[in-house]
PDB file of N, CA and C in Angstrom:
ATOM      1  N   MET A   1     -15.674 -31.209 -18.486  1.00  0.00           N
ATOM      2  CA  MET A   1     -15.359 -29.901 -18.200  1.00  0.00           C
ATOM      3  C   MET A   1     -16.095 -29.182 -17.076  1.00  0.00           C
ATOM      4  N   ARG A   2     -17.349 -29.558 -17.213  1.00  0.00           N
ATOM      5  CA  ARG A   2     -18.397 -28.818 -16.130  1.00  0.00           C
ATOM      6  C   ARG A   2     -17.770 -29.496 -14.675  1.00  0.00           C
ATOM      7  N   ILE A   3     -17.535 -30.745 -14.701  1.00  0.00           N
ATOM      8  CA  ILE A   3     -17.113 -31.259 -13.377  1.00  0.00           C
ATOM      9  C   ILE A   3     -15.795 -30.656 -12.857  1.00  0.00           C
ATOM     10  N   LEU A   4     -15.064 -30.386 -13.686  1.00  0.00           N
ATOM     11  CA  LEU A   4     -13.659 -29.810 -13.246  1.00  0.00           C
ATOM     12  C   LEU A   4     -13.960 -28.391 -12.889  1.00  0.00           C
ATOM     13  N   ARG A   5     -14.704 -27.680 -13.472  1.00  0.00           N
ATOM     14  CA  ARG A   5     -15.214 -26.328 -13.095  1.00  0.00           C
ATOM     15  C   ARG A   5     -15.807 -26.425 -11.669  1.00  0.00           C
ATOM     16  N   LYS A   6     -16.793 -27.432 -11.426  1.00  0.00           N
ATOM     17  CA  LYS A   6     -17.341 -27.411 -10.088  1.00  0.00           C
ATOM     18  C   LYS A   6     -16.344 -27.864  -9.027  1.00  0.00           C
ATOM     19  N   LEU A   7     -15.399 -28.612  -9.470  1.00  0.00           N
ATOM     20  CA  LEU A   7     -14.251 -29.069  -8.453  1.00  0.00           C
ATOM     21  C   LEU A   7     -13.277 -27.914  -8.181  1.00  0.00           C
ATOM     22  N   LEU A   8     -13.151 -27.018  -9.077  1.00  0.00           N
ATOM     23  CA  LEU A   8     -12.264 -25.900  -8.891  1.00  0.00           C
ATOM     24  C   LEU A   8     -13.052 -24.720  -8.028  1.00  0.00           C
ATOM     25  N   LYS A   9     -14.377 -24.731  -8.214  1.00  0.00           N
ATOM     26  CA  LYS A   9     -15.340 -23.695  -7.576  1.00  0.00           C
ATOM     27  C   LYS A   9     -15.137 -23.954  -5.992  1.00  0.00           C
ATOM     28  N   VAL A  10     -14.896 -25.097  -5.411  1.00  0.00           N
ATOM     29  CA  VAL A  10     -14.817 -25.333  -4.033  1.00  0.00           C
ATOM     30  C   VAL A  10     -13.516 -24.696  -3.334  1.00  0.00           C
ATOM     31  N   PRO A  11     -12.429 -24.788  -3.954  1.00  0.00           N
ATOM     32  CA  PRO A  11     -11.440 -24.037  -3.388  1.00  0.00           C
ATOM     33  C   PRO A  11     -11.367 -22.509  -3.530  1.00  0.00           C
ATOM     34  N   ALA A  12     -11.952 -22.100  -4.658  1.00  0.00           N
ATOM     35  CA  ALA A  12     -12.092 -20.764  -4.855  1.00  0.00           C
ATOM     36  C   ALA A  12     -13.097 -20.181  -3.848  1.00  0.00           C
ATOM     37  N   LEU A  13     -14.127 -20.917  -3.552  1.00  0.00           N
ATOM     38  CA  LEU A  13     -15.059 -20.422  -2.615  1.00  0.00           C
ATOM     39  C   LEU A  13     -14.633 -20.261  -1.298  1.00  0.00           C
ATOM     40  N   LEU A  14     -13.692 -21.258  -0.924  1.00  0.00           N
ATOM     41  CA  LEU A  14     -12.933 -21.067   0.472  1.00  0.00           C
ATOM     42  C   LEU A  14     -11.866 -19.968   0.344  1.00  0.00           C
ATOM     43  N   MET A  15     -11.353 -19.578  -0.624  1.00  0.00           N
ATOM     44  CA  MET A  15     -10.521 -18.602  -0.597  1.00  0.00           C
ATOM     45  C   MET A  15     -11.079 -17.241  -0.799  1.00  0.00           C
ATOM     46  N   LEU A  16     -12.150 -17.066  -1.134  1.00  0.00           N
ATOM     47  CA  LEU A  16     -12.904 -15.765  -1.189  1.00  0.00           C
ATOM     48  C   LEU A  16     -12.922 -15.046   0.146  1.00  0.00           C
ATOM     49  N   PRO A  17     -13.416 -15.510   1.288  1.00  0.00           N
ATOM     50  CA  PRO A  17     -13.255 -15.025   2.439  1.00  0.00           C
ATOM     51  C   PRO A  17     -11.973 -14.665   3.120  1.00  0.00           C
ATOM     52  N   LEU A  18     -10.968 -15.291   2.690  1.00  0.00           N
ATOM     53  CA  LEU A  18      -9.546 -15.045   2.950  1.00  0.00           C
ATOM     54  C   LEU A  18      -9.112 -13.675   2.192  1.00  0.00           C
ATOM     55  N   PHE A  19      -9.507 -13.744   0.907  1.00  0.00           N
ATOM     56  CA  PHE A  19      -8.994 -12.380   0.337  1.00  0.00           C
ATOM     57  C   PHE A  19      -9.732 -11.254   0.844  1.00  0.00           C
ATOM     58  N   SER A  20     -10.965 -11.416   1.281  1.00  0.00           N
ATOM     59  CA  SER A  20     -11.820 -10.265   1.707  1.00  0.00           C
ATOM     60  C   SER A  20     -10.982  -9.880   2.965  1.00  0.00           C
ATOM     61  N   VAL A  21     -10.727 -10.700   3.902  1.00  0.00           N
ATOM     62  CA  VAL A  21     -10.229 -10.372   5.286  1.00  0.00           C
ATOM     63  C   VAL A  21      -8.776  -9.678   5.058  1.00  0.00           C
ATOM     64  N   LEU A  22      -7.954 -10.298   4.038  1.00  0.00           N
ATOM     65  CA  LEU A  22      -6.758  -9.544   3.740  1.00  0.00           C
ATOM     66  C   LEU A  22      -6.819  -8.220   3.229  1.00  0.00           C
ATOM     67  N   GLN A  23      -7.850  -8.217   2.568  1.00  0.00           N
ATOM     68  CA  GLN A  23      -8.291  -6.785   1.771  1.00  0.00           C
ATOM     69  C   GLN A  23      -8.525  -5.731   3.016  1.00  0.00           C
ATOM     70  N   TRP A  24      -9.376  -6.180   3.972  1.00  0.00           N
ATOM     71  CA  TRP A  24      -9.749  -5.285   5.042  1.00  0.00           C
ATOM     72  C   TRP A  24      -8.574  -4.928   5.907  1.00  0.00           C
ATOM     73  N   ILE A  25      -7.931  -5.982   6.245  1.00  0.00           N
ATOM     74  CA  ILE A  25      -6.746  -5.744   7.304  1.00  0.00           C
ATOM     75  C   ILE A  25      -5.683  -4.807   6.450  1.00  0.00           C
ATOM     76  N   GLY A  26      -5.530  -5.004   5.187  1.00  0.00           N
ATOM     77  CA  GLY A  26      -4.514  -4.207   4.484  1.00  0.00           C
ATOM     78  C   GLY A  26      -5.062  -2.827   4.437  1.00  0.00           C
ATOM     79  N   ILE A  27      -6.370  -2.448   4.073  1.00  0.00           N
ATOM     80  CA  ILE A  27      -6.787  -1.159   4.021  1.00  0.00           C
ATOM     81  C   ILE A  27      -6.541  -0.515   5.446  1.00  0.00           C
ATOM     82  N   PHE A  28      -7.075  -1.235   6.514  1.00  0.00           N
ATOM     83  CA  PHE A  28      -6.786  -0.632   7.790  1.00  0.00           C
ATOM     84  C   PHE A  28      -5.374  -0.325   8.144  1.00  0.00           C
ATOM     85  N   LEU A  29      -4.314  -1.224   7.973  1.00  0.00           N
ATOM     86  CA  LEU A  29      -2.916  -1.031   8.298  1.00  0.00           C
ATOM     87  C   LEU A  29      -2.355  -0.030   7.232  1.00  0.00           C
ATOM     88  N   THR A  30      -2.869   0.095   6.008  1.00  0.00           N
ATOM     89  CA  THR A  30      -2.301   1.121   5.044  1.00  0.00           C
ATOM     90  C   THR A  30      -2.825   2.559   5.608  1.00  0.00           C
ATOM     91  N   GLY A  31      -4.128   2.623   5.961  1.00  0.00           N
ATOM     92  CA  GLY A  31      -4.458   3.993   6.389  1.00  0.00           C
ATOM     93  C   GLY A  31      -3.731   4.412   7.808  1.00  0.00           C
ATOM     94  N   LEU A  32      -3.530   3.491   8.593  1.00  0.00           N
ATOM     95  CA  LEU A  32      -2.849   3.753   9.891  1.00  0.00           C
ATOM     96  C   LEU A  32      -1.351   4.088   9.567  1.00  0.00           C
ATOM     97  N   ALA A  33      -0.656   3.349   8.896  1.00  0.00           N
ATOM     98  CA  ALA A  33       0.663   3.530   8.640  1.00  0.00           C
ATOM     99  C   ALA A  33       0.896   4.736   7.703  1.00  0.00           C
ATOM    100  N   GLY A  34      -0.054   4.878   6.866  1.00  0.00           N
ATOM    101  CA  GLY A  34       0.013   6.180   6.037  1.00  0.00           C
ATOM    102  C   GLY A  34       0.007   7.306   6.805  1.00  0.00           C
ATOM    103  N   SER A  35      -0.927   7.518   7.801  1.00  0.00           N
ATOM    104  CA  SER A  35      -0.985   8.725   8.585  1.00  0.00           C
ATOM    105  C   SER A  35       0.353   8.878   9.258  1.00  0.00           C
ATOM    106  N   ILE A  36       0.805   7.916   9.857  1.00  0.00           N
ATOM    107  CA  ILE A  36       2.203   8.087  10.772  1.00  0.00           C
ATOM    108  C   ILE A  36       3.227   8.393   9.753  1.00  0.00           C
ATOM    109  N   LEU A  37       3.382   7.740   8.631  1.00  0.00           N
ATOM    110  CA  LEU A  37       4.528   7.962   7.836  1.00  0.00           C
ATOM    111  C   LEU A  37       4.560   9.090   7.083  1.00  0.00           C
ATOM    112  N   ASN A  38       3.263   9.678   6.754  1.00  0.00           N
ATOM    113  CA  ASN A  38       3.189  11.052   6.158  1.00  0.00           C
ATOM    114  C   ASN A  38       3.552  12.216   7.150  1.00  0.00           C
ATOM    115  N   LEU A  39       3.281  11.940   8.498  1.00  0.00           N
ATOM    116  CA  LEU A  39       3.822  12.839   9.298  1.00  0.00           C
ATOM    117  C   LEU A  39       5.334  12.969   9.356  1.00  0.00           C
ATOM    118  N   LEU A  40       5.897  11.617   9.397  1.00  0.00           N
ATOM    119  CA  LEU A  40       7.345  11.550   9.507  1.00  0.00           C
ATOM    120  C   LEU A  40       7.924  12.146   8.077  1.00  0.00           C
ATOM    121  N   ALA A  41       7.322  11.995   7.078  1.00  0.00           N
ATOM    122  CA  ALA A  41       7.868  12.602   5.663  1.00  0.00           C
ATOM    123  C   ALA A  41       7.933  14.107   5.792  1.00  0.00           C
ATOM    124  N   PHE A  42       6.748  14.526   6.503  1.00  0.00           N
ATOM    125  CA  PHE A  42       6.500  15.969   6.498  1.00  0.00           C
ATOM    126  C   PHE A  42       7.701  16.558   7.457  1.00  0.00           C
ATOM    127  N   LEU A  43       8.035  15.809   8.518  1.00  0.00           N
ATOM    128  CA  LEU A  43       9.096  16.399   9.312  1.00  0.00           C
ATOM    129  C   LEU A  43      10.382  16.273   8.647  1.00  0.00           C
ATOM    130  N   PHE A  44      10.745  15.377   7.907  1.00  0.00           N
ATOM    131  CA  PHE A  44      11.912  15.344   7.123  1.00  0.00           C
ATOM    132  C   PHE A  44      11.864  16.480   6.156  1.00  0.00           C
ATOM    133  N   ALA A  45      10.923  16.832   5.471  1.00  0.00           N
ATOM    134  CA  ALA A  45      10.869  17.716   4.551  1.00  0.00           C
ATOM    135  C   ALA A  45      10.888  19.229   5.287  1.00  0.00           C
ATOM    136  N   PHE A  46      10.215  19.222   6.232  1.00  0.00           N
ATOM    137  CA  PHE A  46      10.294  20.575   7.003  1.00  0.00           C
ATOM    138  C   PHE A  46      11.671  20.778   7.514  1.00  0.00           C
ATOM    139  N   THR A  47      12.263  19.815   8.110  1.00  0.00           N
ATOM    140  CA  THR A  47      13.694  20.010   8.484  1.00  0.00           C
ATOM    141  C   THR A  47      14.724  20.452   7.462  1.00  0.00           C
ATOM    142  N   ALA A  48      14.454  19.743   6.273  1.00  0.00           N
ATOM    143  CA  ALA A  48      15.374  20.008   5.269  1.00  0.00           C
ATOM    144  C   ALA A  48      15.312  21.491   4.778  1.00  0.00           C
ATOM    145  N   GLY A  49      13.984  21.787   4.567  1.00  0.00           N
ATOM    146  CA  GLY A  49      13.869  23.190   4.047  1.00  0.00           C
ATOM    147  C   GLY A  49      14.251  24.206   5.081  1.00  0.00           C
ATOM    148  N   ALA A  50      13.978  24.081   6.286  1.00  0.00           N
ATOM    149  CA  ALA A  50      14.262  24.838   7.254  1.00  0.00           C
ATOM    150  C   ALA A  50      15.870  25.075   7.473  1.00  0.00           C
ATOM    151  N   SER A  51      16.468  23.859   7.547  1.00  0.00           N
ATOM    152  CA  SER A  51      17.968  23.978   7.540  1.00  0.00           C
ATOM    153  C   SER A  51      18.632  24.532   6.489  1.00  0.00           C
ATOM    154  N   TYR A  52      18.003  24.557   5.275  1.00  0.00           N
ATOM    155  CA  TYR A  52      18.558  25.010   3.957  1.00  0.00           C
ATOM    156  C   TYR A  52      18.311  26.450   4.172  1.00  0.00           C
ATOM    157  N   LEU A  53      17.051  27.042   4.519  1.00  0.00           N
ATOM    158  CA  LEU A  53      16.947  28.417   4.493  1.00  0.00           C
ATOM    159  C   LEU A  53      17.619  29.015   5.452  1.00  0.00           C
ATOM    160  N   MET A  54      17.951  28.439   6.733  1.00  0.00           N
ATOM    161  CA  MET A  54      18.677  29.011   7.731  1.00  0.00           C
ATOM    162  C   MET A  54      20.088  28.895   7.612  1.00  0.00           C
ATOM    163  N   GLY A  55      20.633  28.266   6.504  1.00  0.00           N
ATOM    164  CA  GLY A  55      22.081  28.201   6.144  1.00  0.00           C
ATOM    165  C   GLY A  55      22.800  27.021   7.158  1.00  0.00           C
ATOM    166  N   LEU A  56      22.016  26.173   7.662  1.00  0.00           N
ATOM    167  CA  LEU A  56      22.537  25.130   8.382  1.00  0.00           C
ATOM    168  C   LEU A  56      23.017  23.909   7.632  1.00  0.00           C
ATOM    169  N   ALA A  57      22.578  23.847   6.415  1.00  0.00           N
ATOM    170  CA  ALA A  57      22.811  22.706   5.434  1.00  0.00           C
ATOM    171  C   ALA A  57      22.953  23.184   4.148  1.00  0.00           C
ATOM    172  N   SER A  58      23.777  22.572   3.401  1.00  0.00           N
ATOM    173  CA  SER A  58      24.050  23.039   2.048  1.00  0.00           C
ATOM    174  C   SER A  58      22.896  22.458   1.144  1.00  0.00           C
ATOM    175  N   GLY A  59      22.811  22.845  -0.022  1.00  0.00           N
ATOM    176  CA  GLY A  59      21.748  22.357  -1.057  1.00  0.00           C
ATOM    177  C   GLY A  59      21.663  20.819  -1.158  1.00  0.00           C
ATOM    178  N   SER A  60      22.945  20.277  -1.336  1.00  0.00           N
ATOM    179  CA  SER A  60      23.053  18.885  -1.444  1.00  0.00           C
ATOM    180  C   SER A  60      22.573  18.105  -0.318  1.00  0.00           C
ATOM    181  N   GLU A  61      22.846  18.502   0.995  1.00  0.00           N
ATOM    182  CA  GLU A  61      22.421  18.137   2.089  1.00  0.00           C
ATOM    183  C   GLU A  61      21.042  18.032   2.267  1.00  0.00           C
ATOM    184  N   ALA A  62      20.509  19.347   2.095  1.00  0.00           N
ATOM    185  CA  ALA A  62      18.969  19.386   2.121  1.00  0.00           C
ATOM    186  C   ALA A  62      18.255  18.415   1.131  1.00  0.00           C
ATOM    187  N   LEU A  63      18.807  18.476  -0.124  1.00  0.00           N
ATOM    188  CA  LEU A  63      18.329  17.535  -1.079  1.00  0.00           C
ATOM    189  C   LEU A  63      18.245  16.102  -0.585  1.00  0.00           C
ATOM    190  N   LYS A  64      19.447  15.520   0.103  1.00  0.00           N
ATOM    191  CA  LYS A  64      19.371  14.137   0.557  1.00  0.00           C
ATOM    192  C   LYS A  64      18.461  14.017   1.713  1.00  0.00           C
ATOM    193  N   MET A  65      18.135  15.112   2.586  1.00  0.00           N
ATOM    194  CA  MET A  65      17.226  14.911   3.457  1.00  0.00           C
ATOM    195  C   MET A  65      15.764  14.787   2.914  1.00  0.00           C
ATOM    196  N   MET A  66      15.595  15.723   1.899  1.00  0.00           N
ATOM    197  CA  MET A  66      14.279  15.611   1.112  1.00  0.00           C
ATOM    198  C   MET A  66      13.990  14.163   0.500  1.00  0.00           C
ATOM    199  N   THR A  67      15.061  13.493  -0.042  1.00  0.00           N
ATOM    200  CA  THR A  67      15.195  12.275  -0.620  1.00  0.00           C
ATOM    201  C   THR A  67      14.733  11.279   0.466  1.00  0.00           C
ATOM    202  N   ILE A  68      15.291  11.272   1.465  1.00  0.00           N
ATOM    203  CA  ILE A  68      15.016  10.222   2.698  1.00  0.00           C
ATOM    204  C   ILE A  68      13.743  10.570   3.066  1.00  0.00           C
ATOM    205  N   GLY A  69      13.202  11.696   3.142  1.00  0.00           N
ATOM    206  CA  GLY A  69      11.766  12.004   3.455  1.00  0.00           C
ATOM    207  C   GLY A  69      10.781  11.539   2.460  1.00  0.00           C
ATOM    208  N   PHE A  70      11.046  11.226   1.232  1.00  0.00           N
ATOM    209  CA  PHE A  70      10.304  10.750   0.115  1.00  0.00           C
ATOM    210  C   PHE A  70      10.038   9.423   0.384  1.00  0.00           C
ATOM    211  N   ILE A  71      10.915   8.553   0.910  1.00  0.00           N
ATOM    212  CA  ILE A  71      10.722   7.222   1.320  1.00  0.00           C
ATOM    213  C   ILE A  71       9.574   6.750   1.990  1.00  0.00           C
ATOM    214  N   PRO A  72       9.348   7.493   3.309  1.00  0.00           N
ATOM    215  CA  PRO A  72       8.071   6.941   4.013  1.00  0.00           C
ATOM    216  C   PRO A  72       6.851   7.418   3.423  1.00  0.00           C
ATOM    217  N   PHE A  73       6.830   8.508   2.442  1.00  0.00           N
ATOM    218  CA  PHE A  73       5.746   8.902   1.844  1.00  0.00           C
ATOM    219  C   PHE A  73       5.242   7.886   0.818  1.00  0.00           C
ATOM    220  N   ILE A  74       6.300   7.149   0.121  1.00  0.00           N
ATOM    221  CA  ILE A  74       5.944   6.321  -0.969  1.00  0.00           C
ATOM    222  C   ILE A  74       5.635   4.881  -0.489  1.00  0.00           C
ATOM    223  N   LEU A  75       5.913   4.609   0.779  1.00  0.00           N
ATOM    224  CA  LEU A  75       5.454   3.260   1.193  1.00  0.00           C
ATOM    225  C   LEU A  75       4.212   2.924   1.164  1.00  0.00           C
ATOM    226  N   PRO A  76       3.146   3.888   1.788  1.00  0.00           N
ATOM    227  CA  PRO A  76       1.678   3.521   1.630  1.00  0.00           C
ATOM    228  C   PRO A  76       1.275   3.438   0.111  1.00  0.00           C
ATOM    229  N   VAL A  77       1.764   4.147  -0.826  1.00  0.00           N
ATOM    230  CA  VAL A  77       1.480   4.078  -2.053  1.00  0.00           C
ATOM    231  C   VAL A  77       1.692   2.743  -2.651  1.00  0.00           C
ATOM    232  N   ILE A  78       2.844   2.126  -2.325  1.00  0.00           N
ATOM    233  CA  ILE A  78       3.265   0.615  -2.789  1.00  0.00           C
ATOM    234  C   ILE A  78       2.061  -0.265  -2.155  1.00  0.00           C
ATOM    235  N   ALA A  79       1.859  -0.040  -0.907  1.00  0.00           N
ATOM    236  CA  ALA A  79       0.815  -0.933  -0.143  1.00  0.00           C
ATOM    237  C   ALA A  79      -0.585  -0.808  -0.816  1.00  0.00           C
ATOM    238  N   GLU A  80      -0.881   0.405  -1.252  1.00  0.00           N
ATOM    239  CA  GLU A  80      -2.148   0.526  -1.863  1.00  0.00           C
ATOM    240  C   GLU A  80      -2.098  -0.181  -3.207  1.00  0.00           C
ATOM    241  N   GLN A  81      -1.173  -0.229  -3.925  1.00  0.00           N
ATOM    242  CA  GLN A  81      -1.060  -1.061  -5.133  1.00  0.00           C
ATOM    243  C   GLN A  81      -1.226  -2.598  -4.904  1.00  0.00           C
ATOM    244  N   ILE A  82      -0.644  -2.970  -3.627  1.00  0.00           N
ATOM    245  CA  ILE A  82      -0.704  -4.452  -3.492  1.00  0.00           C
ATOM    246  C   ILE A  82      -2.231  -4.753  -3.123  1.00  0.00           C
ATOM    247  N   ILE A  83      -2.752  -3.815  -2.390  1.00  0.00           N
ATOM    248  CA  ILE A  83      -4.278  -4.140  -2.154  1.00  0.00           C
ATOM    249  C   ILE A  83      -5.297  -4.092  -3.345  1.00  0.00           C
ATOM    250  N   ILE A  84      -4.839  -3.178  -4.144  1.00  0.00           N
ATOM    251  CA  ILE A  84      -5.533  -3.259  -5.515  1.00  0.00           C
ATOM    252  C   ILE A  84      -5.390  -4.597  -6.163  1.00  0.00           C
ATOM    253  N   GLY A  85      -4.204  -5.248  -6.121  1.00  0.00           N
ATOM    254  CA  GLY A  85      -4.030  -6.419  -6.641  1.00  0.00           C
ATOM    255  C   GLY A  85      -4.838  -7.507  -5.990  1.00  0.00           C
ATOM    256  N   ILE A  86      -4.993  -7.416  -4.670  1.00  0.00           N
ATOM    257  CA  ILE A  86      -5.627  -8.397  -3.825  1.00  0.00           C
ATOM    258  C   ILE A  86      -7.265  -8.179  -4.232  1.00  0.00           C
ATOM    259  N   THR A  87      -7.652  -6.982  -4.329  1.00  0.00           N
ATOM    260  CA  THR A  87      -9.002  -6.687  -4.732  1.00  0.00           C
ATOM    261  C   THR A  87      -9.313  -7.214  -6.009  1.00  0.00           C
ATOM    262  N   ALA A  88      -8.504  -7.140  -7.049  1.00  0.00           N
ATOM    263  CA  ALA A  88      -8.582  -7.543  -8.364  1.00  0.00           C
ATOM    264  C   ALA A  88      -8.834  -9.146  -8.432  1.00  0.00           C
ATOM    265  N   LEU A  89      -7.916  -9.741  -7.469  1.00  0.00           N
ATOM    266  CA  LEU A  89      -8.051 -11.188  -7.576  1.00  0.00           C
ATOM    267  C   LEU A  89      -9.306 -11.617  -6.825  1.00  0.00           C
ATOM    268  N   ARG A  90      -9.706 -10.932  -5.909  1.00  0.00           N
ATOM    269  CA  ARG A  90     -11.022 -11.378  -5.173  1.00  0.00           C
ATOM    270  C   ARG A  90     -12.047 -11.156  -6.397  1.00  0.00           C
ATOM    271  N   CYS A  91     -12.107 -10.174  -7.030  1.00  0.00           N
ATOM    272  CA  CYS A  91     -13.272  -9.969  -8.183  1.00  0.00           C
ATOM    273  C   CYS A  91     -13.036 -10.969  -9.023  1.00  0.00           C
ATOM    274  N   VAL A  92     -12.056 -11.553  -9.480  1.00  0.00           N
ATOM    275  CA  VAL A  92     -11.783 -12.625 -10.568  1.00  0.00           C
ATOM    276  C   VAL A  92     -12.413 -13.873  -9.949  1.00  0.00           C
ATOM    277  N   LEU A  93     -12.053 -14.083  -8.582  1.00  0.00           N
ATOM    278  CA  LEU A  93     -12.473 -15.371  -8.028  1.00  0.00           C
ATOM    279  C   LEU A  93     -13.990 -15.297  -7.875  1.00  0.00           C
ATOM    280  N   ARG A  94     -14.656 -14.093  -7.501  1.00  0.00           N
ATOM    281  CA  ARG A  94     -16.154 -13.978  -7.566  1.00  0.00           C
ATOM    282  C   ARG A  94     -16.815 -14.252  -8.803  1.00  0.00           C
ATOM    283  N   ALA A  95     -16.202 -13.762  -9.944  1.00  0.00           N
ATOM    284  CA  ALA A  95     -16.732 -13.993 -11.197  1.00  0.00           C
ATOM    285  C   ALA A  95     -16.657 -15.240 -11.723  1.00  0.00           C
ATOM    286  N   PHE A  96     -15.567 -16.030 -11.231  1.00  0.00           N
ATOM    287  CA  PHE A  96     -15.338 -17.402 -11.629  1.00  0.00           C
ATOM    288  C   PHE A  96     -16.418 -18.160 -10.859  1.00  0.00           C
ATOM    289  N   ILE A  97     -16.857 -17.870  -9.649  1.00  0.00           N
ATOM    290  CA  ILE A  97     -17.742 -18.677  -8.797  1.00  0.00           C
ATOM    291  C   ILE A  97     -19.179 -18.465  -9.273  1.00  0.00           C
ATOM    292  N   ARG A  98     -19.450 -17.397  -9.709  1.00  0.00           N
ATOM    293  CA  ARG A  98     -20.672 -17.002 -10.352  1.00  0.00           C
ATOM    294  C   ARG A  98     -20.993 -17.709 -11.751  1.00  0.00           C
ATOM    295  N   SER A  99     -19.848 -18.033 -12.354  1.00  0.00           N
ATOM    296  CA  SER A  99     -20.093 -18.398 -13.659  1.00  0.00           C
ATOM    297  C   SER A  99     -20.431 -19.894 -13.752  1.00  0.00           C
TER     298      SER A  99
END
């Protein structure tokens, strides 16, 4: 069993830097895309609210625009959940290597 554990630690040791780099790249891209997509979501929401208040769109049309504006807002949240999964996997690998 000890030999098998030591044999499995070698690929885990090689995968640890890969997961670290994936985490760093994911955090950077999520932050950058989050800023841009939040501005886009704000524009959709502002346009929907302004057009409803000025009478240019009905309530259902404004609600559709708000719904479409919610999609760019939620994408960085989904990406953050994926990054959390990568981080958890990296922590499990680190604990396995140290054991």
